[in-house]
């Protein structure tokens, strides 16, 4: 292991470490997916939705509150279809309600 005695940026560290690079790529991909479906989410709910982790073909959305999660469950088939039309392999959207 190569020890450094100087500070490096997060971007530089992630580029040099494969695990961090993969994590950064997944984070960017998740954020891009959220931007792609943002127009399909009602304006009043957009503030309550955050991009979450990607696990294979399942994508997770972090949602503030049960009411927002219920509405997103109704929209889920349309969101999945839109993401697939944009080239993402999304077979399921999992919703995680945050307290």
N, C-alpha and C. Protein backbone atom coordinates (compact mmCIF):
# COMPACT_ATOMS: atom_id res chain seq x y z
N UNK A 1 0.84 -1.17 0.00
CA UNK A 1 0.00 0.00 0.00
C UNK A 1 0.89 1.24 0.00
N UNK A 2 0.52 2.19 -0.80
CA UNK A 2 1.29 3.41 -0.95
C UNK A 2 0.76 4.49 -0.02
N UNK A 3 1.53 4.93 0.92
CA UNK A 3 1.08 5.97 1.85
C UNK A 3 1.43 7.33 1.30
N UNK A 4 0.51 8.25 1.49
CA UNK A 4 0.72 9.61 1.03
C UNK A 4 0.75 10.54 2.23
N UNK A 5 1.51 11.57 2.11
CA UNK A 5 1.59 12.54 3.18
C UNK A 5 1.09 13.89 2.72
N UNK A 6 0.14 13.86 1.79
CA UNK A 6 -0.46 15.10 1.31
C UNK A 6 -1.93 14.84 1.03
N UNK A 7 -2.69 15.89 1.04
CA UNK A 7 -4.13 15.76 0.84
C UNK A 7 -4.45 15.54 -0.64
N UNK A 8 -5.48 14.74 -0.88
CA UNK A 8 -5.97 14.52 -2.24
C UNK A 8 -7.46 14.82 -2.24
N UNK A 9 -7.95 15.22 -3.39
CA UNK A 9 -9.39 15.50 -3.50
C UNK A 9 -10.16 14.18 -3.53
N UNK A 10 -11.44 14.28 -3.23
CA UNK A 10 -12.29 13.09 -3.27
C UNK A 10 -12.32 12.50 -4.67
N UNK A 11 -12.38 13.36 -5.68
CA UNK A 11 -12.39 12.87 -7.06
C UNK A 11 -11.11 12.12 -7.39
N UNK A 12 -9.97 12.66 -6.99
CA UNK A 12 -8.70 12.00 -7.26
C UNK A 12 -8.62 10.67 -6.53
N UNK A 13 -9.06 10.64 -5.29
CA UNK A 13 -9.04 9.40 -4.52
C UNK A 13 -9.93 8.35 -5.15
N UNK A 14 -11.12 8.78 -5.62
CA UNK A 14 -12.04 7.81 -6.21
C UNK A 14 -11.53 7.28 -7.54
N UNK A 15 -10.78 8.07 -8.25
CA UNK A 15 -10.23 7.61 -9.52
C UNK A 15 -9.12 6.58 -9.31
N UNK A 16 -8.42 6.70 -8.19
CA UNK A 16 -7.29 5.81 -7.93
C UNK A 16 -7.68 4.54 -7.18
N UNK A 17 -8.85 4.52 -6.58
CA UNK A 17 -9.29 3.34 -5.83
C UNK A 17 -10.49 2.73 -6.56
N UNK A 18 -10.39 1.50 -7.02
CA UNK A 18 -11.47 0.88 -7.79
C UNK A 18 -12.81 0.85 -7.07
N UNK A 19 -12.80 0.58 -5.78
CA UNK A 19 -14.05 0.50 -5.03
C UNK A 19 -14.71 1.88 -4.97
N UNK A 20 -13.92 2.90 -4.69
CA UNK A 20 -14.46 4.26 -4.65
C UNK A 20 -14.91 4.72 -6.03
N UNK A 21 -14.18 4.33 -7.06
CA UNK A 21 -14.56 4.69 -8.42
C UNK A 21 -15.91 4.08 -8.78
N UNK A 22 -16.13 2.84 -8.41
CA UNK A 22 -17.41 2.17 -8.68
C UNK A 22 -18.54 2.85 -7.90
N UNK A 23 -18.30 3.19 -6.66
CA UNK A 23 -19.29 3.87 -5.83
C UNK A 23 -19.64 5.24 -6.42
N UNK A 24 -18.64 5.98 -6.86
CA UNK A 24 -18.88 7.29 -7.47
C UNK A 24 -19.68 7.15 -8.76
N UNK A 25 -19.39 6.12 -9.55
CA UNK A 25 -20.12 5.90 -10.80
C UNK A 25 -21.58 5.55 -10.53
N UNK A 26 -21.83 4.72 -9.51
CA UNK A 26 -23.21 4.37 -9.15
C UNK A 26 -23.97 5.60 -8.64
N UNK A 27 -23.30 6.45 -7.89
CA UNK A 27 -23.94 7.67 -7.39
C UNK A 27 -24.31 8.59 -8.54
N UNK A 28 -23.41 8.75 -9.50
CA UNK A 28 -23.71 9.59 -10.68
C UNK A 28 -24.86 9.00 -11.47
N UNK A 29 -24.85 7.67 -11.66
CA UNK A 29 -25.91 7.01 -12.41
C UNK A 29 -27.26 7.19 -11.72
N UNK A 30 -27.29 7.04 -10.41
CA UNK A 30 -28.53 7.20 -9.67
C UNK A 30 -29.06 8.63 -9.79
N UNK A 31 -28.18 9.60 -9.69
CA UNK A 31 -28.58 11.01 -9.83
C UNK A 31 -29.09 11.30 -11.24
N UNK A 32 -28.46 10.71 -12.23
CA UNK A 32 -28.91 10.90 -13.61
C UNK A 32 -30.30 10.29 -13.83
N UNK A 33 -30.55 9.16 -13.21
CA UNK A 33 -31.87 8.53 -13.32
C UNK A 33 -32.94 9.42 -12.70
N UNK A 34 -32.64 10.00 -11.55
CA UNK A 34 -33.61 10.88 -10.91
C UNK A 34 -33.90 12.10 -11.77
N UNK A 35 -32.87 12.67 -12.36
CA UNK A 35 -33.07 13.82 -13.27
C UNK A 35 -33.93 13.43 -14.46
N UNK A 36 -33.77 12.20 -14.94
CA UNK A 36 -34.52 11.74 -16.11
C UNK A 36 -36.02 11.61 -15.82
N UNK A 37 -36.38 11.26 -14.60
CA UNK A 37 -37.80 11.06 -14.28
C UNK A 37 -38.41 12.25 -13.55
N UNK A 38 -37.63 13.24 -13.25
CA UNK A 38 -38.10 14.38 -12.45
C UNK A 38 -39.36 15.02 -13.02
N UNK A 39 -39.44 15.12 -14.33
CA UNK A 39 -40.60 15.76 -14.96
C UNK A 39 -41.87 14.92 -14.78
N UNK A 40 -41.73 13.62 -14.52
CA UNK A 40 -42.89 12.75 -14.34
C UNK A 40 -43.42 12.77 -12.90
N UNK A 41 -42.61 13.29 -11.99
CA UNK A 41 -43.02 13.37 -10.59
C UNK A 41 -43.74 14.69 -10.38
N UNK A 42 -44.91 14.67 -9.74
CA UNK A 42 -45.63 15.92 -9.48
C UNK A 42 -44.73 16.93 -8.76
N UNK A 43 -44.83 18.19 -9.14
CA UNK A 43 -43.96 19.24 -8.60
C UNK A 43 -44.00 19.29 -7.08
N UNK A 44 -45.16 19.06 -6.50
CA UNK A 44 -45.28 19.12 -5.05
C UNK A 44 -44.52 18.00 -4.34
N UNK A 45 -44.20 16.92 -5.05
CA UNK A 45 -43.50 15.78 -4.43
C UNK A 45 -42.00 15.77 -4.72
N UNK A 46 -41.55 16.57 -5.64
CA UNK A 46 -40.14 16.49 -6.05
C UNK A 46 -39.17 16.72 -4.90
N UNK A 47 -39.52 17.61 -3.98
CA UNK A 47 -38.63 17.89 -2.85
C UNK A 47 -38.54 16.71 -1.89
N UNK A 48 -39.49 15.79 -1.97
CA UNK A 48 -39.55 14.65 -1.05
C UNK A 48 -38.86 13.41 -1.58
N UNK A 49 -38.23 13.50 -2.75
CA UNK A 49 -37.63 12.32 -3.39
C UNK A 49 -36.14 12.55 -3.60
N UNK A 50 -35.35 11.55 -3.22
CA UNK A 50 -33.91 11.59 -3.44
C UNK A 50 -33.47 10.30 -4.12
N UNK A 51 -32.41 10.39 -4.89
CA UNK A 51 -31.86 9.21 -5.55
C UNK A 51 -31.23 8.31 -4.50
N UNK A 52 -31.45 7.01 -4.65
CA UNK A 52 -30.90 6.04 -3.71
C UNK A 52 -29.99 5.06 -4.42
N UNK A 53 -29.66 3.97 -3.76
CA UNK A 53 -28.70 3.00 -4.32
C UNK A 53 -29.28 2.20 -5.48
N UNK A 54 -28.38 1.71 -6.30
CA UNK A 54 -28.71 0.84 -7.42
C UNK A 54 -28.18 -0.55 -7.08
N UNK A 55 -29.05 -1.54 -7.18
CA UNK A 55 -28.66 -2.93 -6.92
C UNK A 55 -29.09 -3.77 -8.10
N UNK A 56 -28.21 -3.96 -9.04
CA UNK A 56 -28.54 -4.70 -10.25
C UNK A 56 -29.54 -3.93 -11.08
N UNK A 57 -30.70 -4.54 -11.35
CA UNK A 57 -31.72 -3.87 -12.14
C UNK A 57 -32.79 -3.22 -11.25
N UNK A 58 -32.53 -3.18 -9.95
CA UNK A 58 -33.45 -2.52 -9.00
C UNK A 58 -32.84 -1.21 -8.56
N UNK A 59 -33.65 -0.17 -8.61
CA UNK A 59 -33.21 1.16 -8.20
C UNK A 59 -34.04 1.58 -7.01
N UNK A 60 -33.44 2.20 -6.05
CA UNK A 60 -34.13 2.63 -4.84
C UNK A 60 -34.28 4.15 -4.84
N UNK A 61 -35.47 4.60 -4.47
CA UNK A 61 -35.72 6.02 -4.26
C UNK A 61 -35.95 6.23 -2.77
N UNK A 62 -35.33 7.24 -2.22
CA UNK A 62 -35.52 7.60 -0.82
C UNK A 62 -36.62 8.65 -0.77
N UNK A 63 -37.67 8.37 -0.01
CA UNK A 63 -38.87 9.20 -0.02
C UNK A 63 -39.17 9.69 1.39
N UNK A 64 -39.52 10.96 1.50
CA UNK A 64 -39.89 11.55 2.79
C UNK A 64 -41.39 11.45 2.96
N UNK A 65 -41.84 10.45 3.72
CA UNK A 65 -43.24 10.34 4.06
C UNK A 65 -43.99 9.26 3.30
N UNK A 66 -44.98 8.71 3.98
CA UNK A 66 -45.78 7.63 3.42
C UNK A 66 -46.68 8.10 2.27
N UNK A 67 -47.20 9.32 2.36
CA UNK A 67 -48.09 9.81 1.30
C UNK A 67 -47.33 9.94 -0.02
N UNK A 68 -46.12 10.47 0.04
CA UNK A 68 -45.31 10.59 -1.17
C UNK A 68 -44.96 9.22 -1.72
N UNK A 69 -44.66 8.27 -0.83
CA UNK A 69 -44.34 6.91 -1.28
C UNK A 69 -45.54 6.26 -1.96
N UNK A 70 -46.74 6.49 -1.42
CA UNK A 70 -47.94 5.91 -2.03
C UNK A 70 -48.15 6.44 -3.44
N UNK A 71 -47.96 7.73 -3.64
CA UNK A 71 -48.11 8.31 -4.98
C UNK A 71 -47.04 7.76 -5.92
N UNK A 72 -45.81 7.64 -5.44
CA UNK A 72 -44.74 7.12 -6.29
C UNK A 72 -44.97 5.64 -6.64
N UNK A 73 -45.60 4.90 -5.75
CA UNK A 73 -45.94 3.50 -6.08
C UNK A 73 -46.90 3.46 -7.26
N UNK A 74 -47.83 4.40 -7.30
CA UNK A 74 -48.77 4.47 -8.43
C UNK A 74 -48.04 4.85 -9.72
N UNK A 75 -47.04 5.71 -9.60
CA UNK A 75 -46.31 6.18 -10.78
C UNK A 75 -45.20 5.22 -11.21
N UNK A 76 -44.88 4.26 -10.38
CA UNK A 76 -43.73 3.40 -10.61
C UNK A 76 -43.70 2.73 -11.99
N UNK A 77 -44.78 2.16 -12.49
CA UNK A 77 -44.71 1.55 -13.83
C UNK A 77 -44.33 2.56 -14.92
N UNK A 78 -44.87 3.77 -14.84
CA UNK A 78 -44.54 4.80 -15.83
C UNK A 78 -43.08 5.24 -15.69
N UNK A 79 -42.60 5.34 -14.45
CA UNK A 79 -41.20 5.73 -14.22
C UNK A 79 -40.25 4.67 -14.77
N UNK A 80 -40.58 3.40 -14.53
CA UNK A 80 -39.74 2.31 -15.04
C UNK A 80 -39.72 2.31 -16.56
N UNK A 81 -40.89 2.47 -17.17
CA UNK A 81 -40.96 2.48 -18.64
C UNK A 81 -40.15 3.64 -19.22
N UNK A 82 -40.22 4.80 -18.58
CA UNK A 82 -39.47 5.96 -19.05
C UNK A 82 -37.97 5.71 -18.94
N UNK A 83 -37.54 5.14 -17.84
CA UNK A 83 -36.12 4.84 -17.67
C UNK A 83 -35.64 3.81 -18.69
N UNK A 84 -36.46 2.78 -18.93
CA UNK A 84 -36.08 1.78 -19.95
C UNK A 84 -35.99 2.40 -21.33
N UNK A 85 -36.90 3.35 -21.63
CA UNK A 85 -36.85 4.01 -22.94
C UNK A 85 -35.60 4.87 -23.09
N UNK A 86 -35.01 5.26 -21.97
CA UNK A 86 -33.78 6.05 -21.98
C UNK A 86 -32.53 5.17 -21.92
N UNK A 87 -32.71 3.84 -21.88
CA UNK A 87 -31.56 2.94 -21.93
C UNK A 87 -31.15 2.32 -20.62
N UNK A 88 -31.81 2.63 -19.52
CA UNK A 88 -31.47 2.02 -18.24
C UNK A 88 -32.24 0.72 -18.08
N UNK A 89 -31.57 -0.30 -17.56
CA UNK A 89 -32.19 -1.59 -17.30
C UNK A 89 -32.77 -1.57 -15.88
N UNK A 90 -34.00 -1.07 -15.76
CA UNK A 90 -34.67 -0.97 -14.47
C UNK A 90 -35.91 -1.86 -14.51
N UNK A 91 -35.88 -2.93 -13.73
CA UNK A 91 -37.04 -3.82 -13.67
C UNK A 91 -37.89 -3.56 -12.44
N UNK A 92 -37.33 -2.85 -11.47
CA UNK A 92 -38.09 -2.53 -10.26
C UNK A 92 -37.56 -1.25 -9.64
N UNK A 93 -38.47 -0.48 -9.06
CA UNK A 93 -38.10 0.69 -8.28
C UNK A 93 -38.56 0.42 -6.86
N UNK A 94 -37.61 0.40 -5.96
CA UNK A 94 -37.91 0.16 -4.55
C UNK A 94 -37.99 1.52 -3.86
N UNK A 95 -38.94 1.68 -2.99
CA UNK A 95 -39.12 2.94 -2.27
C UNK A 95 -38.76 2.72 -0.80
N UNK A 96 -37.93 3.60 -0.28
CA UNK A 96 -37.58 3.53 1.13
C UNK A 96 -38.05 4.81 1.79
N UNK A 97 -38.98 4.69 2.71
CA UNK A 97 -39.53 5.86 3.39
C UNK A 97 -38.58 6.24 4.52
N UNK A 98 -38.19 7.50 4.50
CA UNK A 98 -37.31 8.02 5.54
C UNK A 98 -38.14 8.74 6.58
N UNK A 99 -37.80 8.52 7.83
CA UNK A 99 -38.56 9.14 8.94
C UNK A 99 -38.21 10.62 9.06
